[in-house]
Amino acid sequence: FEKLVKFSRTSGVPMSRYVFNSLIVTVLTVGLS
């Protein structure tokens, strides 16, 4: 898990952004569906 976090920091987009996108998409999609 530590390697995963370190690797995500080296990428252009932080993993927190992907988490935020997934939460927004999942909540809206499930709710509307």
Full PDB file with SEQRES, HELIX, SHEET, SSBOND, CRYST1, ORIGX, SCALE, CONECT and MASTER records, all heavy atoms in Angstrom:
SEQRES   1 A   33  PHE GLU LYS LEU VAL LYS PHE SER ARG THR SER GLY VAL          
SEQRES   2 A   33  PRO MET SER ARG TYR VAL PHE ASN SER LEU ILE VAL THR          
SEQRES   3 A   33  VAL LEU THR VAL GLY LEU SER                                  
HELIX    1 AA1 GLU A    2  THR A   10  1                                   9    
HELIX    2 AA2 MET A   15  LEU A   32  1                                  18    
CRYST1    1.000    1.000    1.000  90.00  90.00  90.00 P 1           1          
ORIGX1      1.000000  0.000000  0.000000        0.00000                         
ORIGX2      0.000000  1.000000  0.000000        0.00000                         
ORIGX3      0.000000  0.000000  1.000000        0.00000                         
SCALE1      1.000000  0.000000  0.000000        0.00000                         
SCALE2      0.000000  1.000000  0.000000        0.00000                         
SCALE3      0.000000  0.000000  1.000000        0.00000                         
ATOM      1  N   PHE A   1       0.829  -1.207   0.000  1.00  0.00           N  
ATOM      2  CA  PHE A   1       0.000   0.000   0.000  1.00  0.00           C  
ATOM      3  C   PHE A   1       0.870   1.266   0.000  1.00  0.00           C  
ATOM      4  O   PHE A   1       0.524   2.260  -0.621  1.00  0.00           O  
ATOM      5  CB  PHE A   1      -0.934  -0.002   1.210  1.00  0.00           C  
ATOM      6  CG  PHE A   1      -1.922  -1.134   1.204  1.00  0.00           C  
ATOM      7  CD1 PHE A   1      -1.625  -2.334   1.829  1.00  0.00           C  
ATOM      8  CD2 PHE A   1      -3.139  -0.997   0.561  1.00  0.00           C  
ATOM      9  CE1 PHE A   1      -2.538  -3.383   1.823  1.00  0.00           C  
ATOM     10  CE2 PHE A   1      -4.058  -2.037   0.551  1.00  0.00           C  
ATOM     11  CZ  PHE A   1      -3.749  -3.231   1.173  1.00  0.00           C  
ATOM     12  N   GLU A   2       1.996   1.211   0.716  1.00  0.00           N  
ATOM     13  CA  GLU A   2       2.906   2.352   0.721  1.00  0.00           C  
ATOM     14  C   GLU A   2       3.479   2.596  -0.667  1.00  0.00           C  
ATOM     15  O   GLU A   2       3.604   3.741  -1.120  1.00  0.00           O  
ATOM     16  CB  GLU A   2       4.030   2.106   1.727  1.00  0.00           C  
ATOM     17  CG  GLU A   2       3.553   2.083   3.181  1.00  0.00           C  
ATOM     18  CD  GLU A   2       4.672   1.723   4.141  1.00  0.00           C  
ATOM     19  OE1 GLU A   2       5.735   1.247   3.657  1.00  0.00           O  
ATOM     20  OE2 GLU A   2       4.499   1.906   5.357  1.00  0.00           O  
ATOM     21  N   LYS A   3       3.842   1.518  -1.371  1.00  0.00           N  
ATOM     22  CA  LYS A   3       4.349   1.657  -2.737  1.00  0.00           C  
ATOM     23  C   LYS A   3       3.268   2.229  -3.660  1.00  0.00           C  
ATOM     24  O   LYS A   3       3.564   3.035  -4.542  1.00  0.00           O  
ATOM     25  CB  LYS A   3       4.806   0.297  -3.267  1.00  0.00           C  
ATOM     26  CG  LYS A   3       6.083  -0.225  -2.637  1.00  0.00           C  
ATOM     27  CD  LYS A   3       6.474  -1.556  -3.266  1.00  0.00           C  
ATOM     28  CE  LYS A   3       7.775  -2.087  -2.687  1.00  0.00           C  
ATOM     29  NZ  LYS A   3       8.152  -3.393  -3.278  1.00  0.00           N  
ATOM     30  N   LEU A   4       2.022   1.797  -3.430  1.00  0.00           N  
ATOM     31  CA  LEU A   4       0.923   2.294  -4.257  1.00  0.00           C  
ATOM     32  C   LEU A   4       0.732   3.792  -4.072  1.00  0.00           C  
ATOM     33  O   LEU A   4       0.553   4.535  -5.039  1.00  0.00           O  
ATOM     34  CB  LEU A   4      -0.368   1.540  -3.903  1.00  0.00           C  
ATOM     35  CG  LEU A   4      -1.631   1.956  -4.653  1.00  0.00           C  
ATOM     36  CD1 LEU A   4      -1.474   1.728  -6.148  1.00  0.00           C  
ATOM     37  CD2 LEU A   4      -2.838   1.171  -4.129  1.00  0.00           C  
ATOM     38  N   VAL A   5       0.790   4.250  -2.828  1.00  0.00           N  
ATOM     39  CA  VAL A   5       0.628   5.676  -2.548  1.00  0.00           C  
ATOM     40  C   VAL A   5       1.793   6.472  -3.134  1.00  0.00           C  
ATOM     41  O   VAL A   5       1.600   7.537  -3.743  1.00  0.00           O  
ATOM     42  CB  VAL A   5       0.514   5.919  -1.028  1.00  0.00           C  
ATOM     43  CG1 VAL A   5       0.506   7.405  -0.725  1.00  0.00           C  
ATOM     44  CG2 VAL A   5      -0.751   5.257  -0.487  1.00  0.00           C  
ATOM     45  N   LYS A   6       3.008   5.972  -2.983  1.00  0.00           N  
ATOM     46  CA  LYS A   6       4.175   6.667  -3.527  1.00  0.00           C  
ATOM     47  C   LYS A   6       4.115   6.731  -5.051  1.00  0.00           C  
ATOM     48  O   LYS A   6       4.472   7.750  -5.655  1.00  0.00           O  
ATOM     49  CB  LYS A   6       5.459   5.959  -3.077  1.00  0.00           C  
ATOM     50  CG  LYS A   6       5.755   6.095  -1.591  1.00  0.00           C  
ATOM     51  CD  LYS A   6       7.035   5.353  -1.212  1.00  0.00           C  
ATOM     52  CE  LYS A   6       7.322   5.488   0.282  1.00  0.00           C  
ATOM     53  NZ  LYS A   6       8.561   4.735   0.667  1.00  0.00           N  
ATOM     54  N   PHE A   7       3.680   5.653  -5.672  1.00  0.00           N  
ATOM     55  CA  PHE A   7       3.590   5.637  -7.130  1.00  0.00           C  
ATOM     56  C   PHE A   7       2.551   6.640  -7.624  1.00  0.00           C  
ATOM     57  O   PHE A   7       2.744   7.304  -8.636  1.00  0.00           O  
ATOM     58  CB  PHE A   7       3.231   4.229  -7.612  1.00  0.00           C  
ATOM     59  CG  PHE A   7       3.141   4.114  -9.118  1.00  0.00           C  
ATOM     60  CD1 PHE A   7       4.281   3.916  -9.876  1.00  0.00           C  
ATOM     61  CD2 PHE A   7       1.915   4.204  -9.753  1.00  0.00           C  
ATOM     62  CE1 PHE A   7       4.204   3.806 -11.268  1.00  0.00           C  
ATOM     63  CE2 PHE A   7       1.821   4.098 -11.138  1.00  0.00           C  
ATOM     64  CZ  PHE A   7       2.975   3.908 -11.890  1.00  0.00           C  
ATOM     65  N   SER A   8       1.434   6.739  -6.893  1.00  0.00           N  
ATOM     66  CA  SER A   8       0.386   7.675  -7.305  1.00  0.00           C  
ATOM     67  C   SER A   8       0.861   9.122  -7.218  1.00  0.00           C  
ATOM     68  O   SER A   8       0.415   9.983  -7.969  1.00  0.00           O  
ATOM     69  CB  SER A   8      -0.862   7.478  -6.451  1.00  0.00           C  
ATOM     70  OG  SER A   8      -0.622   7.850  -5.102  1.00  0.00           O  
ATOM     71  N   ARG A   9       1.785   9.396  -6.279  1.00  0.00           N  
ATOM     72  CA  ARG A   9       2.295  10.762  -6.130  1.00  0.00           C  
ATOM     73  C   ARG A   9       3.191  11.160  -7.299  1.00  0.00           C  
ATOM     74  O   ARG A   9       3.333  12.342  -7.597  1.00  0.00           O  
ATOM     75  CB  ARG A   9       3.072  10.877  -4.820  1.00  0.00           C  
ATOM     76  CG  ARG A   9       2.187  10.799  -3.573  1.00  0.00           C  
ATOM     77  CD  ARG A   9       3.036  10.784  -2.314  1.00  0.00           C  
ATOM     78  NE  ARG A   9       2.193  10.700  -1.116  1.00  0.00           N  
ATOM     79  CZ  ARG A   9       2.675  10.536   0.118  1.00  0.00           C  
ATOM     80  NH1 ARG A   9       3.983  10.426   0.305  1.00  0.00           N  
ATOM     81  NH2 ARG A   9       1.849  10.472   1.143  1.00  0.00           N  
ATOM     82  N   THR A  10       3.798  10.167  -7.959  1.00  0.00           N  
ATOM     83  CA  THR A  10       4.678  10.467  -9.074  1.00  0.00           C  
ATOM     84  C   THR A  10       3.915  10.678 -10.379  1.00  0.00           C  
ATOM     85  O   THR A  10       4.497  11.159 -11.351  1.00  0.00           O  
ATOM     86  CB  THR A  10       5.698   9.337  -9.276  1.00  0.00           C  
ATOM     87  OG1 THR A  10       5.007   8.105  -9.572  1.00  0.00           O  
ATOM     88  CG2 THR A  10       6.527   9.134  -8.009  1.00  0.00           C  
ATOM     89  N   SER A  11       2.646  10.296 -10.402  1.00  0.00           N  
ATOM     90  CA  SER A  11       1.853  10.465 -11.612  1.00  0.00           C  
ATOM     91  C   SER A  11       1.356  11.900 -11.721  1.00  0.00           C  
ATOM     92  O   SER A  11       1.387  12.668 -10.756  1.00  0.00           O  
ATOM     93  CB  SER A  11       0.654   9.497 -11.611  1.00  0.00           C  
ATOM     94  OG  SER A  11      -0.190   9.737 -10.508  1.00  0.00           O  
ATOM     95  N   GLY A  12       0.900  12.266 -12.899  1.00  0.00           N  
ATOM     96  CA  GLY A  12       0.449  13.636 -13.134  1.00  0.00           C  
ATOM     97  C   GLY A  12      -0.798  14.000 -12.363  1.00  0.00           C  
ATOM     98  O   GLY A  12      -1.002  15.158 -12.003  1.00  0.00           O  
ATOM     99  N   VAL A  13      -1.660  13.006 -12.086  1.00  0.00           N  
ATOM    100  CA  VAL A  13      -2.915  13.238 -11.369  1.00  0.00           C  
ATOM    101  C   VAL A  13      -2.866  12.475 -10.048  1.00  0.00           C  
ATOM    102  O   VAL A  13      -2.631  11.262 -10.038  1.00  0.00           O  
ATOM    103  CB  VAL A  13      -4.129  12.775 -12.200  1.00  0.00           C  
ATOM    104  CG1 VAL A  13      -5.434  13.032 -11.443  1.00  0.00           C  
ATOM    105  CG2 VAL A  13      -4.146  13.465 -13.549  1.00  0.00           C  
ATOM    106  N   PRO A  14      -3.075  13.128  -8.925  1.00  0.00           N  
ATOM    107  CA  PRO A  14      -3.047  12.420  -7.629  1.00  0.00           C  
ATOM    108  C   PRO A  14      -4.200  11.442  -7.510  1.00  0.00           C  
ATOM    109  O   PRO A  14      -5.264  11.633  -8.095  1.00  0.00           O  
ATOM    110  CB  PRO A  14      -3.159  13.554  -6.604  1.00  0.00           C  
ATOM    111  CG  PRO A  14      -3.822  14.664  -7.341  1.00  0.00           C  
ATOM    112  CD  PRO A  14      -3.350  14.568  -8.763  1.00  0.00           C  
ATOM    113  N   MET A  15      -3.976  10.398  -6.716  1.00  0.00           N  
ATOM    114  CA  MET A  15      -5.006   9.367  -6.558  1.00  0.00           C  
ATOM    115  C   MET A  15      -6.255   9.926  -5.890  1.00  0.00           C  
ATOM    116  O   MET A  15      -7.359   9.431  -6.103  1.00  0.00           O  
ATOM    117  CB  MET A  15      -4.456   8.189  -5.755  1.00  0.00           C  
ATOM    118  CG  MET A  15      -5.376   6.973  -5.754  1.00  0.00           C  
ATOM    119  SD  MET A  15      -4.591   5.470  -5.139  1.00  0.00           S  
ATOM    120  CE  MET A  15      -4.214   5.935  -3.460  1.00  0.00           C  
ATOM    121  N   SER A  16      -6.092  10.951  -5.067  1.00  0.00           N  
ATOM    122  CA  SER A  16      -7.247  11.566  -4.404  1.00  0.00           C  
ATOM    123  C   SER A  16      -8.246  12.110  -5.427  1.00  0.00           C  
ATOM    124  O   SER A  16      -9.456  12.126  -5.172  1.00  0.00           O  
ATOM    125  CB  SER A  16      -6.797  12.681  -3.465  1.00  0.00           C  
ATOM    126  OG  SER A  16      -6.077  13.681  -4.172  1.00  0.00           O  
ATOM    127  N   ARG A  17      -7.739  12.566  -6.569  1.00  0.00           N  
ATOM    128  CA  ARG A  17      -8.637  13.067  -7.615  1.00  0.00           C  
ATOM    129  C   ARG A  17      -9.470  11.936  -8.195  1.00  0.00           C  
ATOM    130  O   ARG A  17     -10.676  12.099  -8.437  1.00  0.00           O  
ATOM    131  CB  ARG A  17      -7.819  13.741  -8.721  1.00  0.00           C  
ATOM    132  CG  ARG A  17      -8.657  14.234  -9.904  1.00  0.00           C  
ATOM    133  CD  ARG A  17      -9.613  15.336  -9.477  1.00  0.00           C  
ATOM    134  NE  ARG A  17     -10.496  15.716 -10.581  1.00  0.00           N  
ATOM    135  CZ  ARG A  17     -11.365  16.708 -10.541  1.00  0.00           C  
ATOM    136  NH1 ARG A  17     -11.478  17.414  -9.422  1.00  0.00           N  
ATOM    137  NH2 ARG A  17     -12.123  16.992 -11.563  1.00  0.00           N  
ATOM    138  N   TYR A  18      -8.856  10.788  -8.394  1.00  0.00           N  
ATOM    139  CA  TYR A  18      -9.597   9.628  -8.899  1.00  0.00           C  
ATOM    140  C   TYR A  18     -10.640   9.158  -7.883  1.00  0.00           C  
ATOM    141  O   TYR A  18     -11.753   8.769  -8.256  1.00  0.00           O  
ATOM    142  CB  TYR A  18      -8.642   8.482  -9.221  1.00  0.00           C  
ATOM    143  CG  TYR A  18      -7.685   8.761 -10.357  1.00  0.00           C  
ATOM    144  CD1 TYR A  18      -6.323   8.900 -10.128  1.00  0.00           C  
ATOM    145  CD2 TYR A  18      -8.144   8.887 -11.667  1.00  0.00           C  
ATOM    146  CE1 TYR A  18      -5.438   9.156 -11.166  1.00  0.00           C  
ATOM    147  CE2 TYR A  18      -7.269   9.144 -12.714  1.00  0.00           C  
ATOM    148  CZ  TYR A  18      -5.915   9.279 -12.455  1.00  0.00           C  
ATOM    149  OH  TYR A  18      -5.046   9.539 -13.485  1.00  0.00           O  
ATOM    150  N   VAL A  19     -10.266   9.195  -6.614  1.00  0.00           N  
ATOM    151  CA  VAL A  19     -11.217   8.806  -5.563  1.00  0.00           C  
ATOM    152  C   VAL A  19     -12.404   9.763  -5.557  1.00  0.00           C  
ATOM    153  O   VAL A  19     -13.566   9.331  -5.462  1.00  0.00           O  
ATOM    154  CB  VAL A  19     -10.514   8.794  -4.194  1.00  0.00           C  
ATOM    155  CG1 VAL A  19     -11.533   8.545  -3.081  1.00  0.00           C  
ATOM    156  CG2 VAL A  19      -9.434   7.737  -4.159  1.00  0.00           C  
ATOM    157  N   PHE A  20     -12.128  11.050  -5.638  1.00  0.00           N  
ATOM    158  CA  PHE A  20     -13.202  12.046  -5.652  1.00  0.00           C  
ATOM    159  C   PHE A  20     -14.127  11.832  -6.856  1.00  0.00           C  
ATOM    160  O   PHE A  20     -15.361  11.858  -6.714  1.00  0.00           O  
ATOM    161  CB  PHE A  20     -12.599  13.450  -5.701  1.00  0.00           C  
ATOM    162  CG  PHE A  20     -13.616  14.548  -5.837  1.00  0.00           C  
ATOM    163  CD1 PHE A  20     -14.358  14.966  -4.744  1.00  0.00           C  
ATOM    164  CD2 PHE A  20     -13.846  15.154  -7.071  1.00  0.00           C  
ATOM    165  CE1 PHE A  20     -15.307  15.977  -4.867  1.00  0.00           C  
ATOM    166  CE2 PHE A  20     -14.785  16.165  -7.209  1.00  0.00           C  
ATOM    167  CZ  PHE A  20     -15.522  16.579  -6.106  1.00  0.00           C  
ATOM    168  N   ASN A  21     -13.556  11.614  -8.041  1.00  0.00           N  
ATOM    169  CA  ASN A  21     -14.375  11.374  -9.233  1.00  0.00           C  
ATOM    170  C   ASN A  21     -15.256  10.142  -9.065  1.00  0.00           C  
ATOM    171  O   ASN A  21     -16.443  10.158  -9.417  1.00  0.00           O  
ATOM    172  CB  ASN A  21     -13.479  11.202 -10.464  1.00  0.00           C  
ATOM    173  CG  ASN A  21     -12.776  12.477 -10.857  1.00  0.00           C  
ATOM    174  OD1 ASN A  21     -13.171  13.574 -10.464  1.00  0.00           O  
ATOM    175  ND2 ASN A  21     -11.710  12.350 -11.625  1.00  0.00           N  
ATOM    176  N   SER A  22     -14.685   9.067  -8.527  1.00  0.00           N  
ATOM    177  CA  SER A  22     -15.455   7.832  -8.356  1.00  0.00           C  
ATOM    178  C   SER A  22     -16.592   8.015  -7.366  1.00  0.00           C  
ATOM    179  O   SER A  22     -17.694   7.503  -7.570  1.00  0.00           O  
ATOM    180  CB  SER A  22     -14.533   6.694  -7.890  1.00  0.00           C  
ATOM    181  OG  SER A  22     -13.685   6.282  -8.927  1.00  0.00           O  
ATOM    182  N   LEU A  23     -16.337   8.741  -6.274  1.00  0.00           N  
ATOM    183  CA  LEU A  23     -17.388   8.968  -5.281  1.00  0.00           C  
ATOM    184  C   LEU A  23     -18.540   9.778  -5.877  1.00  0.00           C  
ATOM    185  O   LEU A  23     -19.715   9.431  -5.692  1.00  0.00           O  
ATOM    186  CB  LEU A  23     -16.813   9.685  -4.061  1.00  0.00           C  
ATOM    187  CG  LEU A  23     -15.840   8.878  -3.191  1.00  0.00           C  
ATOM    188  CD1 LEU A  23     -15.283   9.740  -2.073  1.00  0.00           C  
ATOM    189  CD2 LEU A  23     -16.527   7.643  -2.622  1.00  0.00           C  
ATOM    190  N   ILE A  24     -18.207  10.853  -6.593  1.00  0.00           N  
ATOM    191  CA  ILE A  24     -19.251  11.679  -7.195  1.00  0.00           C  
ATOM    192  C   ILE A  24     -20.040  10.889  -8.225  1.00  0.00           C  
ATOM    193  O   ILE A  24     -21.283  10.886  -8.234  1.00  0.00           O  
ATOM    194  CB  ILE A  24     -18.631  12.933  -7.841  1.00  0.00           C  
ATOM    195  CG1 ILE A  24     -18.015  13.835  -6.769  1.00  0.00           C  
ATOM    196  CG2 ILE A  24     -19.682  13.702  -8.631  1.00  0.00           C  
ATOM    197  CD1 ILE A  24     -18.992  14.393  -5.776  1.00  0.00           C  
ATOM    198  N   VAL A  25     -19.329  10.181  -9.099  1.00  0.00           N  
ATOM    199  CA  VAL A  25     -19.998   9.411 -10.157  1.00  0.00           C  
ATOM    200  C   VAL A  25     -20.853   8.297  -9.558  1.00  0.00           C  
ATOM    201  O   VAL A  25     -22.000   8.087  -9.980  1.00  0.00           O  
ATOM    202  CB  VAL A  25     -18.951   8.829 -11.121  1.00  0.00           C  
ATOM    203  CG1 VAL A  25     -19.589   7.805 -12.065  1.00  0.00           C  
ATOM    204  CG2 VAL A  25     -18.302   9.936 -11.932  1.00  0.00           C  
ATOM    205  N   THR A  26     -20.339   7.600  -8.568  1.00  0.00           N  
ATOM    206  CA  THR A  26     -21.071   6.472  -7.985  1.00  0.00           C  
ATOM    207  C   THR A  26     -22.329   6.948  -7.263  1.00  0.00           C  
ATOM    208  O   THR A  26     -23.406   6.372  -7.435  1.00  0.00           O  
ATOM    209  CB  THR A  26     -20.160   5.705  -7.007  1.00  0.00           C  
ATOM    210  OG1 THR A  26     -19.004   5.244  -7.700  1.00  0.00           O  
ATOM    211  CG2 THR A  26     -20.906   4.515  -6.420  1.00  0.00           C  
ATOM    212  N   VAL A  27     -22.208   7.984  -6.453  1.00  0.00           N  
ATOM    213  CA  VAL A  27     -23.365   8.489  -5.700  1.00  0.00           C  
ATOM    214  C   VAL A  27     -24.448   8.995  -6.643  1.00  0.00           C  
ATOM    215  O   VAL A  27     -25.639   8.649  -6.499  1.00  0.00           O  
ATOM    216  CB  VAL A  27     -22.931   9.594  -4.727  1.00  0.00           C  
ATOM    217  CG1 VAL A  27     -24.156  10.278  -4.116  1.00  0.00           C  
ATOM    218  CG2 VAL A  27     -22.057   9.015  -3.616  1.00  0.00           C  
ATOM    219  N   LEU A  28     -24.067   9.797  -7.625  1.00  0.00           N  
ATOM    220  CA  LEU A  28     -25.058  10.348  -8.554  1.00  0.00           C  
ATOM    221  C   LEU A  28     -25.687   9.256  -9.410  1.00  0.00           C  
ATOM    222  O   LEU A  28     -26.906   9.238  -9.616  1.00  0.00           O  
ATOM    223  CB  LEU A  28     -24.410  11.404  -9.443  1.00  0.00           C  
ATOM    224  CG  LEU A  28     -24.032  12.732  -8.774  1.00  0.00           C  
ATOM    225  CD1 LEU A  28     -23.344  13.658  -9.758  1.00  0.00           C  
ATOM    226  CD2 LEU A  28     -25.269  13.412  -8.196  1.00  0.00           C  
ATOM    227  N   THR A  29     -24.882   8.355  -9.909  1.00  0.00           N  
ATOM    228  CA  THR A  29     -25.406   7.298 -10.786  1.00  0.00           C  
ATOM    229  C   THR A  29     -26.335   6.361 -10.035  1.00  0.00           C  
ATOM    230  O   THR A  29     -27.427   6.034 -10.514  1.00  0.00           O  
ATOM    231  CB  THR A  29     -24.257   6.501 -11.418  1.00  0.00           C  
ATOM    232  OG1 THR A  29     -23.365   7.388 -12.089  1.00  0.00           O  
ATOM    233  CG2 THR A  29     -24.792   5.491 -12.418  1.00  0.00           C  
ATOM    234  N   VAL A  30     -25.911   5.913  -8.862  1.00  0.00           N  
ATOM    235  CA  VAL A  30     -26.749   5.005  -8.081  1.00  0.00           C  
ATOM    236  C   VAL A  30     -28.038   5.695  -7.659  1.00  0.00           C  
ATOM    237  O   VAL A  30     -29.139   5.125  -7.764  1.00  0.00           O  
ATOM    238  CB  VAL A  30     -25.978   4.475  -6.855  1.00  0.00           C  
ATOM    239  CG1 VAL A  30     -26.911   3.666  -5.951  1.00  0.00           C  
ATOM    240  CG2 VAL A  30     -24.806   3.603  -7.296  1.00  0.00           C  
ATOM    241  N   GLY A  31     -27.940   6.937  -7.194  1.00  0.00           N  
ATOM    242  CA  GLY A  31     -29.129   7.670  -6.764  1.00  0.00           C  
ATOM    243  C   GLY A  31     -30.117   7.902  -7.895  1.00  0.00           C  
ATOM    244  O   GLY A  31     -31.316   7.630  -7.750  1.00  0.00           O  
ATOM    245  N   LEU A  32     -29.638   8.390  -9.026  1.00  0.00           N  
ATOM    246  CA  LEU A  32     -30.519   8.639 -10.171  1.00  0.00           C  
ATOM    247  C   LEU A  32     -31.065   7.339 -10.743  1.00  0.00           C  
ATOM    248  O   LEU A  32     -32.236   7.272 -11.144  1.00  0.00           O  
ATOM    249  CB  LEU A  32     -29.767   9.415 -11.253  1.00  0.00           C  
ATOM    250  CG  LEU A  32     -29.397  10.863 -10.910  1.00  0.00           C  
ATOM    251  CD1 LEU A  32     -28.522  11.464 -11.996  1.00  0.00           C  
ATOM    252  CD2 LEU A  32     -30.664  11.707 -10.727  1.00  0.00           C  
ATOM    253  N   SER A  33     -30.240   6.317 -10.772  1.00  0.00           N  
ATOM    254  CA  SER A  33     -30.701   5.026 -11.301  1.00  0.00           C  
ATOM    255  C   SER A  33     -31.826   4.444 -10.452  1.00  0.00           C  
ATOM    256  O   SER A  33     -32.835   3.969 -10.981  1.00  0.00           O  
ATOM    257  CB  SER A  33     -29.528   4.042 -11.360  1.00  0.00           C  
ATOM    258  OG  SER A  33     -29.953   2.783 -11.854  1.00  0.00           O  
TER     259      SER A  33                                                      
MASTER        0    0    0    2    0    0    0    6  258    1    0    3          
END                                                                             
